[in-house]
Structure formats: structure tokens, C-alpha cells
PDB file of all heavy atoms in Angstrom:
ATOM      1  N   ASP A   1     -27.473  16.424  13.057  1.00  0.00           N
ATOM      2  CA  ASP A   1     -28.648  17.225  12.507  1.00  0.00           C
ATOM      3  C   ASP A   1     -28.230  18.047  11.362  1.00  0.00           C
ATOM      4  O   ASP A   1     -27.077  18.582  11.385  1.00  0.00           O
ATOM      5  CB  ASP A   1     -29.255  17.969  13.561  1.00  0.00           C
ATOM      6  CG  ASP A   1     -29.952  17.194  14.640  1.00  0.00           C
ATOM      7  OD1 ASP A   1     -30.351  16.001  14.369  1.00  0.00           O
ATOM      8  OD2 ASP A   1     -30.072  17.684  15.783  1.00  0.00           O
ATOM      9  N   PHE A   2     -29.137  18.277  10.399  1.00  0.00           N
ATOM     10  CA  PHE A   2     -28.977  19.199   9.317  1.00  0.00           C
ATOM     11  C   PHE A   2     -27.737  18.869   8.462  1.00  0.00           C
ATOM     12  O   PHE A   2     -27.210  19.858   7.862  1.00  0.00           O
ATOM     13  CB  PHE A   2     -28.822  20.636   9.879  1.00  0.00           C
ATOM     14  CG  PHE A   2     -29.893  21.049  10.862  1.00  0.00           C
ATOM     15  CD1 PHE A   2     -29.665  21.161  12.280  1.00  0.00           C
ATOM     16  CD2 PHE A   2     -31.195  21.210  10.368  1.00  0.00           C
ATOM     17  CE1 PHE A   2     -30.694  21.597  13.110  1.00  0.00           C
ATOM     18  CE2 PHE A   2     -32.234  21.620  11.246  1.00  0.00           C
ATOM     19  CZ  PHE A   2     -31.988  21.763  12.567  1.00  0.00           C
ATOM     20  N   ILE A   3     -27.536  17.661   8.282  1.00  0.00           N
ATOM     21  CA  ILE A   3     -26.393  17.211   7.422  1.00  0.00           C
ATOM     22  C   ILE A   3     -26.627  17.682   5.925  1.00  0.00           C
ATOM     23  O   ILE A   3     -25.622  18.037   5.244  1.00  0.00           O
ATOM     24  CB  ILE A   3     -26.191  15.687   7.379  1.00  0.00           C
ATOM     25  CG1 ILE A   3     -25.936  15.261   8.834  1.00  0.00           C
ATOM     26  CG2 ILE A   3     -25.099  15.277   6.495  1.00  0.00           C
ATOM     27  CD1 ILE A   3     -24.577  15.823   9.382  1.00  0.00           C
ATOM     28  N   ARG A   4     -27.866  17.777   5.549  1.00  0.00           N
ATOM     29  CA  ARG A   4     -28.208  18.250   4.187  1.00  0.00           C
ATOM     30  C   ARG A   4     -27.654  19.749   3.934  1.00  0.00           C
ATOM     31  O   ARG A   4     -27.501  20.048   2.793  1.00  0.00           O
ATOM     32  CB  ARG A   4     -29.710  18.183   3.949  1.00  0.00           C
ATOM     33  CG  ARG A   4     -30.260  16.835   3.840  1.00  0.00           C
ATOM     34  CD  ARG A   4     -31.796  16.850   3.712  1.00  0.00           C
ATOM     35  NE  ARG A   4     -32.327  15.578   3.475  1.00  0.00           N
ATOM     36  CZ  ARG A   4     -32.516  14.746   4.481  1.00  0.00           C
ATOM     37  NH1 ARG A   4     -32.285  15.002   5.755  1.00  0.00           N
ATOM     38  NH2 ARG A   4     -33.168  13.491   4.272  1.00  0.00           N
ATOM     39  N   GLN A   5     -27.488  20.514   4.986  1.00  0.00           N
ATOM     40  CA  GLN A   5     -27.067  21.823   4.790  1.00  0.00           C
ATOM     41  C   GLN A   5     -25.507  22.112   4.859  1.00  0.00           C
ATOM     42  O   GLN A   5     -25.013  23.155   4.715  1.00  0.00           O
ATOM     43  CB  GLN A   5     -27.678  22.727   5.881  1.00  0.00           C
ATOM     44  CG  GLN A   5     -29.163  22.675   5.894  1.00  0.00           C
ATOM     45  CD  GLN A   5     -29.857  23.546   6.895  1.00  0.00           C
ATOM     46  OE1 GLN A   5     -29.148  24.459   7.607  1.00  0.00           O
ATOM     47  NE2 GLN A   5     -31.090  23.301   7.240  1.00  0.00           N
ATOM     48  N   TYR A   6     -24.835  20.976   5.159  1.00  0.00           N
ATOM     49  CA  TYR A   6     -23.359  21.014   5.271  1.00  0.00           C
ATOM     50  C   TYR A   6     -22.656  20.807   3.910  1.00  0.00           C
ATOM     51  O   TYR A   6     -23.189  20.130   3.019  1.00  0.00           O
ATOM     52  CB  TYR A   6     -22.873  19.862   6.190  1.00  0.00           C
ATOM     53  CG  TYR A   6     -22.977  20.106   7.639  1.00  0.00           C
ATOM     54  CD1 TYR A   6     -24.240  20.396   8.172  1.00  0.00           C
ATOM     55  CD2 TYR A   6     -21.921  20.088   8.478  1.00  0.00           C
ATOM     56  CE1 TYR A   6     -24.429  20.620   9.563  1.00  0.00           C
ATOM     57  CE2 TYR A   6     -22.039  20.297   9.910  1.00  0.00           C
ATOM     58  CZ  TYR A   6     -23.308  20.545  10.391  1.00  0.00           C
ATOM     59  OH  TYR A   6     -23.388  20.722  11.727  1.00  0.00           O
ATOM     60  N   THR A   7     -21.520  21.397   3.792  1.00  0.00           N
ATOM     61  CA  THR A   7     -20.581  20.989   2.707  1.00  0.00           C
ATOM     62  C   THR A   7     -19.774  19.783   3.236  1.00  0.00           C
ATOM     63  O   THR A   7     -19.195  19.722   4.294  1.00  0.00           O
ATOM     64  CB  THR A   7     -19.606  22.186   2.358  1.00  0.00           C
ATOM     65  OG1 THR A   7     -20.361  23.194   1.735  1.00  0.00           O
ATOM     66  CG2 THR A   7     -18.510  21.620   1.438  1.00  0.00           C
ATOM     67  N   LEU A   8     -19.884  18.742   2.366  1.00  0.00           N
ATOM     68  CA  LEU A   8     -19.179  17.510   2.750  1.00  0.00           C
ATOM     69  C   LEU A   8     -17.977  17.355   1.817  1.00  0.00           C
ATOM     70  O   LEU A   8     -18.087  17.610   0.592  1.00  0.00           O
ATOM     71  CB  LEU A   8     -20.045  16.268   2.645  1.00  0.00           C
ATOM     72  CG  LEU A   8     -21.448  16.392   3.383  1.00  0.00           C
ATOM     73  CD1 LEU A   8     -22.273  15.137   3.234  1.00  0.00           C
ATOM     74  CD2 LEU A   8     -21.201  16.637   4.924  1.00  0.00           C
ATOM     75  N   ALA A   9     -16.883  16.830   2.341  1.00  0.00           N
ATOM     76  CA  ALA A   9     -15.683  16.697   1.493  1.00  0.00           C
ATOM     77  C   ALA A   9     -14.790  15.511   1.920  1.00  0.00           C
ATOM     78  O   ALA A   9     -14.934  15.092   3.069  1.00  0.00           O
ATOM     79  CB  ALA A   9     -14.884  18.034   1.643  1.00  0.00           C
ATOM     80  N   TRP A  10     -13.967  15.088   1.027  1.00  0.00           N
ATOM     81  CA  TRP A  10     -12.825  14.248   1.239  1.00  0.00           C
ATOM     82  C   TRP A  10     -11.505  15.009   1.222  1.00  0.00           C
ATOM     83  O   TRP A  10     -11.232  15.830   0.331  1.00  0.00           O
ATOM     84  CB  TRP A  10     -12.731  13.104   0.186  1.00  0.00           C
ATOM     85  CG  TRP A  10     -13.813  12.075   0.341  1.00  0.00           C
ATOM     86  CD1 TRP A  10     -15.000  11.976  -0.267  1.00  0.00           C
ATOM     87  CD2 TRP A  10     -13.739  10.901   1.123  1.00  0.00           C
ATOM     88  NE1 TRP A  10     -15.657  10.810   0.188  1.00  0.00           N
ATOM     89  CE2 TRP A  10     -14.940  10.181   0.985  1.00  0.00           C
ATOM     90  CE3 TRP A  10     -12.715  10.423   2.116  1.00  0.00           C
ATOM     91  CZ2 TRP A  10     -15.135   8.981   1.767  1.00  0.00           C
ATOM     92  CZ3 TRP A  10     -12.949   9.192   2.771  1.00  0.00           C
ATOM     93  CH2 TRP A  10     -14.145   8.546   2.557  1.00  0.00           C
ATOM     94  N   TYR A  11     -10.679  14.827   2.186  1.00  0.00           N
ATOM     95  CA  TYR A  11      -9.341  15.275   2.140  1.00  0.00           C
ATOM     96  C   TYR A  11      -8.462  14.128   2.365  1.00  0.00           C
ATOM     97  O   TYR A  11      -8.828  13.021   2.651  1.00  0.00           O
ATOM     98  CB  TYR A  11      -9.127  16.249   3.358  1.00  0.00           C
ATOM     99  CG  TYR A  11      -9.816  17.666   3.390  1.00  0.00           C
ATOM    100  CD1 TYR A  11     -11.157  17.804   3.432  1.00  0.00           C
ATOM    101  CD2 TYR A  11      -9.014  18.641   3.086  1.00  0.00           C
ATOM    102  CE1 TYR A  11     -11.695  19.039   3.350  1.00  0.00           C
ATOM    103  CE2 TYR A  11      -9.612  19.987   2.991  1.00  0.00           C
ATOM    104  CZ  TYR A  11     -10.937  20.124   3.073  1.00  0.00           C
ATOM    105  OH  TYR A  11     -11.469  21.376   2.948  1.00  0.00           O
ATOM    106  N   ARG A  12      -7.137  14.341   2.064  1.00  0.00           N
ATOM    107  CA  ARG A  12      -6.168  13.261   2.314  1.00  0.00           C
ATOM    108  C   ARG A  12      -4.823  13.926   2.864  1.00  0.00           C
ATOM    109  O   ARG A  12      -4.524  15.053   2.654  1.00  0.00           O
ATOM    110  CB  ARG A  12      -5.940  12.504   1.016  1.00  0.00           C
ATOM    111  CG  ARG A  12      -5.036  13.310  -0.124  1.00  0.00           C
ATOM    112  CD  ARG A  12      -5.032  12.502  -1.320  1.00  0.00           C
ATOM    113  NE  ARG A  12      -4.036  13.113  -2.263  1.00  0.00           N
ATOM    114  CZ  ARG A  12      -3.950  12.638  -3.455  1.00  0.00           C
ATOM    115  NH1 ARG A  12      -4.459  11.561  -3.930  1.00  0.00           N
ATOM    116  NH2 ARG A  12      -3.021  13.280  -4.385  1.00  0.00           N
ATOM    117  N   GLN A  13      -4.072  13.033   3.449  1.00  0.00           N
ATOM    118  CA  GLN A  13      -2.822  13.474   4.021  1.00  0.00           C
ATOM    119  C   GLN A  13      -1.751  12.260   3.885  1.00  0.00           C
ATOM    120  O   GLN A  13      -1.950  11.252   4.443  1.00  0.00           O
ATOM    121  CB  GLN A  13      -2.955  13.845   5.444  1.00  0.00           C
ATOM    122  CG  GLN A  13      -1.689  14.498   6.043  1.00  0.00           C
ATOM    123  CD  GLN A  13      -1.895  15.119   7.382  1.00  0.00           C
ATOM    124  OE1 GLN A  13      -2.898  14.955   7.996  1.00  0.00           O
ATOM    125  NE2 GLN A  13      -1.003  16.098   7.713  1.00  0.00           N
ATOM    126  N   ALA A  14      -0.707  12.543   3.142  1.00  0.00           N
ATOM    127  CA  ALA A  14       0.328  11.612   2.980  1.00  0.00           C
ATOM    128  C   ALA A  14       1.492  11.980   3.980  1.00  0.00           C
ATOM    129  O   ALA A  14       1.572  13.120   4.409  1.00  0.00           O
ATOM    130  CB  ALA A  14       0.918  11.640   1.600  1.00  0.00           C
ATOM    131  N   PRO A  15       2.262  11.062   4.389  1.00  0.00           N
ATOM    132  CA  PRO A  15       3.352  11.296   5.312  1.00  0.00           C
ATOM    133  C   PRO A  15       4.275  12.429   4.837  1.00  0.00           C
ATOM    134  O   PRO A  15       4.725  12.501   3.746  1.00  0.00           O
ATOM    135  CB  PRO A  15       4.225  10.011   5.321  1.00  0.00           C
ATOM    136  CG  PRO A  15       3.155   8.964   5.026  1.00  0.00           C
ATOM    137  CD  PRO A  15       2.274   9.633   4.015  1.00  0.00           C
ATOM    138  N   GLY A  16       4.479  13.461   5.749  1.00  0.00           N
ATOM    139  CA  GLY A  16       5.278  14.622   5.381  1.00  0.00           C
ATOM    140  C   GLY A  16       4.578  15.738   4.696  1.00  0.00           C
ATOM    141  O   GLY A  16       5.209  16.802   4.409  1.00  0.00           O
ATOM    142  N   ASN A  17       3.302  15.497   4.331  1.00  0.00           N
ATOM    143  CA  ASN A  17       2.565  16.416   3.555  1.00  0.00           C
ATOM    144  C   ASN A  17       1.419  17.036   4.299  1.00  0.00           C
ATOM    145  O   ASN A  17       1.033  16.651   5.391  1.00  0.00           O
ATOM    146  CB  ASN A  17       1.944  15.743   2.318  1.00  0.00           C
ATOM    147  CG  ASN A  17       2.961  15.393   1.280  1.00  0.00           C
ATOM    148  OD1 ASN A  17       4.051  15.566   1.388  1.00  0.00           O
ATOM    149  ND2 ASN A  17       2.410  14.818   0.147  1.00  0.00           N
ATOM    150  N   GLN A  18       1.039  18.203   3.860  1.00  0.00           N
ATOM    151  CA  GLN A  18      -0.189  18.887   4.462  1.00  0.00           C
ATOM    152  C   GLN A  18      -1.458  18.114   4.120  1.00  0.00           C
ATOM    153  O   GLN A  18      -1.487  17.479   2.978  1.00  0.00           O
ATOM    154  CB  GLN A  18      -0.225  20.308   3.977  1.00  0.00           C
ATOM    155  CG  GLN A  18       0.918  21.157   4.370  1.00  0.00           C
ATOM    156  CD  GLN A  18       0.914  21.540   5.821  1.00  0.00           C
ATOM    157  OE1 GLN A  18      -0.043  21.788   6.388  1.00  0.00           O
ATOM    158  NE2 GLN A  18       2.041  21.565   6.463  1.00  0.00           N
ATOM    159  N   ARG A  19      -2.420  18.200   4.907  1.00  0.00           N
ATOM    160  CA  ARG A  19      -3.684  17.692   4.420  1.00  0.00           C
ATOM    161  C   ARG A  19      -4.331  18.573   3.416  1.00  0.00           C
ATOM    162  O   ARG A  19      -4.290  19.736   3.494  1.00  0.00           O
ATOM    163  CB  ARG A  19      -4.654  17.711   5.730  1.00  0.00           C
ATOM    164  CG  ARG A  19      -5.920  16.857   5.522  1.00  0.00           C
ATOM    165  CD  ARG A  19      -6.707  16.655   6.758  1.00  0.00           C
ATOM    166  NE  ARG A  19      -5.920  15.900   7.823  1.00  0.00           N
ATOM    167  CZ  ARG A  19      -6.361  15.386   8.916  1.00  0.00           C
ATOM    168  NH1 ARG A  19      -7.668  15.696   9.296  1.00  0.00           N
ATOM    169  NH2 ARG A  19      -5.618  14.747   9.714  1.00  0.00           N
ATOM    170  N   GLU A  20      -4.772  17.951   2.371  1.00  0.00           N
ATOM    171  CA  GLU A  20      -5.262  18.537   1.200  1.00  0.00           C
ATOM    172  C   GLU A  20      -6.653  18.111   0.780  1.00  0.00           C
ATOM    173  O   GLU A  20      -6.986  17.001   0.943  1.00  0.00           O
ATOM    174  CB  GLU A  20      -4.227  18.350   0.001  1.00  0.00           C
ATOM    175  CG  GLU A  20      -4.133  16.941  -0.399  1.00  0.00           C
ATOM    176  CD  GLU A  20      -3.063  16.771  -1.478  1.00  0.00           C
ATOM    177  OE1 GLU A  20      -2.617  17.838  -2.115  1.00  0.00           O
ATOM    178  OE2 GLU A  20      -2.622  15.595  -1.838  1.00  0.00           O
ATOM    179  N   LEU A  21      -7.311  18.999   0.090  1.00  0.00           N
ATOM    180  CA  LEU A  21      -8.694  18.650  -0.350  1.00  0.00           C
ATOM    181  C   LEU A  21      -8.539  17.736  -1.573  1.00  0.00           C
ATOM    182  O   LEU A  21      -7.601  17.887  -2.450  1.00  0.00           O
ATOM    183  CB  LEU A  21      -9.354  19.923  -0.867  1.00  0.00           C
ATOM    184  CG  LEU A  21     -10.691  19.733  -1.573  1.00  0.00           C
ATOM    185  CD1 LEU A  21     -11.761  19.355  -0.502  1.00  0.00           C
ATOM    186  CD2 LEU A  21     -11.131  20.961  -2.362  1.00  0.00           C
ATOM    187  N   VAL A  22      -9.432  16.706  -1.508  1.00  0.00           N
ATOM    188  CA  VAL A  22      -9.546  15.833  -2.708  1.00  0.00           C
ATOM    189  C   VAL A  22     -10.766  16.235  -3.498  1.00  0.00           C
ATOM    190  O   VAL A  22     -10.651  16.495  -4.735  1.00  0.00           O
ATOM    191  CB  VAL A  22      -9.668  14.401  -2.246  1.00  0.00           C
ATOM    192  CG1 VAL A  22      -9.886  13.418  -3.444  1.00  0.00           C
ATOM    193  CG2 VAL A  22      -8.502  13.925  -1.416  1.00  0.00           C
ATOM    194  N   ALA A  23     -11.924  16.390  -2.906  1.00  0.00           N
ATOM    195  CA  ALA A  23     -13.163  16.777  -3.551  1.00  0.00           C
ATOM    196  C   ALA A  23     -14.134  17.204  -2.464  1.00  0.00           C
ATOM    197  O   ALA A  23     -14.114  16.732  -1.354  1.00  0.00           O
ATOM    198  CB  ALA A  23     -13.660  15.640  -4.398  1.00  0.00           C
ATOM    199  N   ALA A  24     -15.076  18.125  -2.798  1.00  0.00           N
ATOM    200  CA  ALA A  24     -16.193  18.500  -2.013  1.00  0.00           C
ATOM    201  C   ALA A  24     -17.414  18.630  -2.727  1.00  0.00           C
ATOM    202  O   ALA A  24     -17.393  18.973  -3.869  1.00  0.00           O
ATOM    203  CB  ALA A  24     -15.776  19.872  -1.357  1.00  0.00           C
ATOM    204  N   VAL A  25     -18.496  18.397  -1.976  1.00  0.00           N
ATOM    205  CA  VAL A  25     -19.829  18.591  -2.495  1.00  0.00           C
ATOM    206  C   VAL A  25     -20.639  19.381  -1.570  1.00  0.00           C
ATOM    207  O   VAL A  25     -21.045  18.971  -0.489  1.00  0.00           O
ATOM    208  CB  VAL A  25     -20.456  17.226  -2.938  1.00  0.00           C
ATOM    209  CG1 VAL A  25     -20.455  16.236  -1.751  1.00  0.00           C
ATOM    210  CG2 VAL A  25     -21.870  17.398  -3.388  1.00  0.00           C
ATOM    211  N   PRO A  26     -20.838  20.661  -1.916  1.00  0.00           N
ATOM    212  CA  PRO A  26     -21.626  21.440  -1.084  1.00  0.00           C
ATOM    213  C   PRO A  26     -23.181  21.291  -1.261  1.00  0.00           C
ATOM    214  O   PRO A  26     -23.638  20.531  -2.195  1.00  0.00           O
ATOM    215  CB  PRO A  26     -21.319  22.926  -1.531  1.00  0.00           C
ATOM    216  CG  PRO A  26     -21.079  22.663  -3.009  1.00  0.00           C
ATOM    217  CD  PRO A  26     -20.453  21.403  -3.150  1.00  0.00           C
ATOM    218  N   SER A  27     -23.941  21.873  -0.356  1.00  0.00           N
ATOM    219  CA  SER A  27     -25.383  21.793  -0.474  1.00  0.00           C
ATOM    220  C   SER A  27     -25.850  22.756  -1.662  1.00  0.00           C
ATOM    221  O   SER A  27     -26.721  22.410  -2.324  1.00  0.00           O
ATOM    222  CB  SER A  27     -26.000  22.351   0.828  1.00  0.00           C
ATOM    223  OG  SER A  27     -27.474  22.305   0.677  1.00  0.00           O
ATOM    224  N   ILE A  28     -25.102  23.789  -1.765  1.00  0.00           N
ATOM    225  CA  ILE A  28     -25.359  24.777  -2.926  1.00  0.00           C
ATOM    226  C   ILE A  28     -24.061  25.018  -3.667  1.00  0.00           C
ATOM    227  O   ILE A  28     -23.058  25.411  -3.065  1.00  0.00           O
ATOM    228  CB  ILE A  28     -25.904  26.154  -2.389  1.00  0.00           C
ATOM    229  CG1 ILE A  28     -27.245  25.908  -1.689  1.00  0.00           C
ATOM    230  CG2 ILE A  28     -26.032  27.109  -3.513  1.00  0.00           C
ATOM    231  CD1 ILE A  28     -27.798  27.154  -1.063  1.00  0.00           C
ATOM    232  N   GLY A  29     -24.134  24.818  -4.983  1.00  0.00           N
ATOM    233  CA  GLY A  29     -22.952  25.071  -5.759  1.00  0.00           C
ATOM    234  C   GLY A  29     -22.403  23.757  -6.383  1.00  0.00           C
ATOM    235  O   GLY A  29     -22.881  22.709  -6.198  1.00  0.00           O
ATOM    236  N   ASN A  30     -21.377  23.967  -7.239  1.00  0.00           N
ATOM    237  CA  ASN A  30     -20.789  22.814  -7.969  1.00  0.00           C
ATOM    238  C   ASN A  30     -19.880  21.921  -7.134  1.00  0.00           C
ATOM    239  O   ASN A  30     -19.297  22.366  -6.160  1.00  0.00           O
ATOM    240  CB  ASN A  30     -20.002  23.390  -9.125  1.00  0.00           C
ATOM    241  CG  ASN A  30     -20.839  24.103 -10.120  1.00  0.00           C
ATOM    242  OD1 ASN A  30     -21.978  23.790 -10.412  1.00  0.00           O
ATOM    243  ND2 ASN A  30     -20.275  25.102 -10.804  1.00  0.00           N
ATOM    244  N   HIS A  31     -19.811  20.704  -7.534  1.00  0.00           N
ATOM    245  CA  HIS A  31     -18.773  19.903  -6.918  1.00  0.00           C
ATOM    246  C   HIS A  31     -17.302  20.490  -7.212  1.00  0.00           C
ATOM    247  O   HIS A  31     -17.137  21.019  -8.229  1.00  0.00           O
ATOM    248  CB  HIS A  31     -18.756  18.541  -7.586  1.00  0.00           C
ATOM    249  CG  HIS A  31     -19.986  17.726  -7.249  1.00  0.00           C
ATOM    250  ND1 HIS A  31     -21.257  18.267  -7.035  1.00  0.00           N
ATOM    251  CD2 HIS A  31     -20.231  16.406  -7.100  1.00  0.00           C
ATOM    252  CE1 HIS A  31     -22.219  17.352  -6.733  1.00  0.00           C
ATOM    253  NE2 HIS A  31     -21.544  16.185  -6.778  1.00  0.00           N
ATOM    254  N   GLU A  32     -16.463  20.393  -6.167  1.00  0.00           N
ATOM    255  CA  GLU A  32     -15.117  20.798  -6.269  1.00  0.00           C
ATOM    256  C   GLU A  32     -14.188  19.672  -6.322  1.00  0.00           C
ATOM    257  O   GLU A  32     -14.340  18.612  -5.537  1.00  0.00           O
ATOM    258  CB  GLU A  32     -14.781  21.743  -5.200  1.00  0.00           C
ATOM    259  CG  GLU A  32     -15.622  23.112  -5.065  1.00  0.00           C
ATOM    260  CD  GLU A  32     -15.284  24.076  -6.068  1.00  0.00           C
ATOM    261  OE1 GLU A  32     -14.157  23.990  -6.621  1.00  0.00           O
ATOM    262  OE2 GLU A  32     -16.035  24.904  -6.306  1.00  0.00           O
ATOM    263  N   TYR A  33     -13.142  19.751  -7.198  1.00  0.00           N
ATOM    264  CA  TYR A  33     -12.147  18.710  -7.283  1.00  0.00           C
ATOM    265  C   TYR A  33     -10.760  19.253  -7.282  1.00  0.00           C
ATOM    266  O   TYR A  33     -10.513  20.262  -8.001  1.00  0.00           O
ATOM    267  CB  TYR A  33     -12.356  17.821  -8.579  1.00  0.00           C
ATOM    268  CG  TYR A  33     -13.555  16.908  -8.574  1.00  0.00           C
ATOM    269  CD1 TYR A  33     -14.722  17.389  -9.110  1.00  0.00           C
ATOM    270  CD2 TYR A  33     -13.490  15.638  -7.985  1.00  0.00           C
ATOM    271  CE1 TYR A  33     -15.840  16.567  -9.187  1.00  0.00           C
ATOM    272  CE2 TYR A  33     -14.626  14.878  -8.006  1.00  0.00           C
ATOM    273  CZ  TYR A  33     -15.802  15.330  -8.569  1.00  0.00           C
ATOM    274  OH  TYR A  33     -16.859  14.520  -8.585  1.00  0.00           O
ATOM    275  N   ALA A  34      -9.818  18.736  -6.609  1.00  0.00           N
ATOM    276  CA  ALA A  34      -8.438  19.077  -6.787  1.00  0.00           C
ATOM    277  C   ALA A  34      -8.037  18.662  -8.075  1.00  0.00           C
ATOM    278  O   ALA A  34      -8.524  17.708  -8.811  1.00  0.00           O
ATOM    279  CB  ALA A  34      -7.590  18.250  -5.696  1.00  0.00           C
ATOM    280  N   ASP A  35      -7.046  19.344  -8.678  1.00  0.00           N
ATOM    281  CA  ASP A  35      -6.530  19.021  -9.945  1.00  0.00           C
ATOM    282  C   ASP A  35      -6.107  17.608 -10.168  1.00  0.00           C
ATOM    283  O   ASP A  35      -6.380  16.980 -11.257  1.00  0.00           O
ATOM    284  CB  ASP A  35      -5.326  19.975 -10.328  1.00  0.00           C
ATOM    285  CG  ASP A  35      -5.778  21.381 -10.632  1.00  0.00           C
ATOM    286  OD1 ASP A  35      -6.929  21.614 -10.844  1.00  0.00           O
ATOM    287  OD2 ASP A  35      -4.922  22.192 -10.506  1.00  0.00           O
ATOM    288  N   PHE A  36      -5.481  16.972  -9.175  1.00  0.00           N
ATOM    289  CA  PHE A  36      -5.028  15.599  -9.318  1.00  0.00           C
ATOM    290  C   PHE A  36      -6.195  14.614  -9.360  1.00  0.00           C
ATOM    291  O   PHE A  36      -6.002  13.471  -9.772  1.00  0.00           O
ATOM    292  CB  PHE A  36      -4.079  15.248  -8.172  1.00  0.00           C
ATOM    293  CG  PHE A  36      -4.684  15.206  -6.772  1.00  0.00           C
ATOM    294  CD1 PHE A  36      -5.579  14.259  -6.346  1.00  0.00           C
ATOM    295  CD2 PHE A  36      -4.453  16.321  -5.896  1.00  0.00           C
ATOM    296  CE1 PHE A  36      -6.091  14.250  -5.016  1.00  0.00           C
ATOM    297  CE2 PHE A  36      -4.984  16.424  -4.703  1.00  0.00           C
ATOM    298  CZ  PHE A  36      -5.818  15.297  -4.161  1.00  0.00           C
ATOM    299  N   ALA A  37      -7.433  15.127  -8.876  1.00  0.00           N
ATOM    300  CA  ALA A  37      -8.514  14.220  -8.894  1.00  0.00           C
ATOM    301  C   ALA A  37      -9.453  14.363 -10.056  1.00  0.00           C
ATOM    302  O   ALA A  37     -10.234  13.414 -10.335  1.00  0.00           O
ATOM    303  CB  ALA A  37      -9.395  14.485  -7.605  1.00  0.00           C
ATOM    304  N   LYS A  38      -9.356  15.463 -10.814  1.00  0.00           N
ATOM    305  CA  LYS A  38     -10.261  15.632 -11.954  1.00  0.00           C
ATOM    306  C   LYS A  38     -10.077  14.509 -13.026  1.00  0.00           C
ATOM    307  O   LYS A  38      -8.941  14.261 -13.408  1.00  0.00           O
ATOM    308  CB  LYS A  38      -9.923  17.037 -12.505  1.00  0.00           C
ATOM    309  CG  LYS A  38     -10.370  18.157 -11.658  1.00  0.00           C
ATOM    310  CD  LYS A  38      -9.958  19.534 -12.235  1.00  0.00           C
ATOM    311  CE  LYS A  38     -10.425  20.631 -11.380  1.00  0.00           C
ATOM    312  NZ  LYS A  38     -10.015  21.942 -11.931  1.00  0.00           N
ATOM    313  N   GLY A  39     -11.158  14.029 -13.488  1.00  0.00           N
ATOM    314  CA  GLY A  39     -11.099  12.963 -14.410  1.00  0.00           C
ATOM    315  C   GLY A  39     -10.830  11.546 -13.920  1.00  0.00           C
ATOM    316  O   GLY A  39     -11.027  10.530 -14.713  1.00  0.00           O
ATOM    317  N   ARG A  40     -10.512  11.449 -12.633  1.00  0.00           N
ATOM    318  CA  ARG A  40     -10.228  10.093 -12.075  1.00  0.00           C
ATOM    319  C   ARG A  40     -11.127   9.786 -10.881  1.00  0.00           C
ATOM    320  O   ARG A  40     -11.450   8.680 -10.697  1.00  0.00           O
ATOM    321  CB  ARG A  40      -8.743  10.009 -11.587  1.00  0.00           C
ATOM    322  CG  ARG A  40      -7.629  10.235 -12.643  1.00  0.00           C
ATOM    323  CD  ARG A  40      -6.261   9.771 -12.112  1.00  0.00           C
ATOM    324  NE  ARG A  40      -5.935  10.695 -11.010  1.00  0.00           N
ATOM    325  CZ  ARG A  40      -5.449  10.262  -9.939  1.00  0.00           C
ATOM    326  NH1 ARG A  40      -5.295   8.945  -9.620  1.00  0.00           N
ATOM    327  NH2 ARG A  40      -5.038  11.087  -8.961  1.00  0.00           N
ATOM    328  N   PHE A  41     -11.459  10.849 -10.136  1.00  0.00           N
ATOM    329  CA  PHE A  41     -12.285  10.620  -8.919  1.00  0.00           C
ATOM    330  C   PHE A  41     -13.634  11.205  -9.059  1.00  0.00           C
ATOM    331  O   PHE A  41     -13.807  12.307  -9.746  1.00  0.00           O
ATOM    332  CB  PHE A  41     -11.626  11.240  -7.708  1.00  0.00           C
ATOM    333  CG  PHE A  41     -10.266  10.679  -7.266  1.00  0.00           C
ATOM    334  CD1 PHE A  41      -9.544  11.264  -6.252  1.00  0.00           C
ATOM    335  CD2 PHE A  41      -9.673   9.626  -7.962  1.00  0.00           C
ATOM    336  CE1 PHE A  41      -8.320  10.745  -5.846  1.00  0.00           C
ATOM    337  CE2 PHE A  41      -8.448   9.122  -7.627  1.00  0.00           C
ATOM    338  CZ  PHE A  41      -7.716   9.674  -6.558  1.00  0.00           C
TER     339      PHE A  41
END
């Protein structure tokens, strides 16, 4: 329920690395992108 009110996001985790944000799209506000994703994703 109420998915429209959630911030939804993609994260990723490579072996030996911390889980990191790829991109997020909130209900309110701008899309967020990790630096490595900008211009590509």
C-alpha cells in the first residue's frame, strides 16, 4: 500500500564492496544519481 508515497531506489553491491546507491526517485524532489551513474543510467 501507498507505494506512491515511497522513495524508490536502485542499489548495487559488488563482491567485497559496500552496498551503494545507484539512483533514487522520491515522491517529492529530484531524481538522485550516484556519480558513476550520471549520464549513463
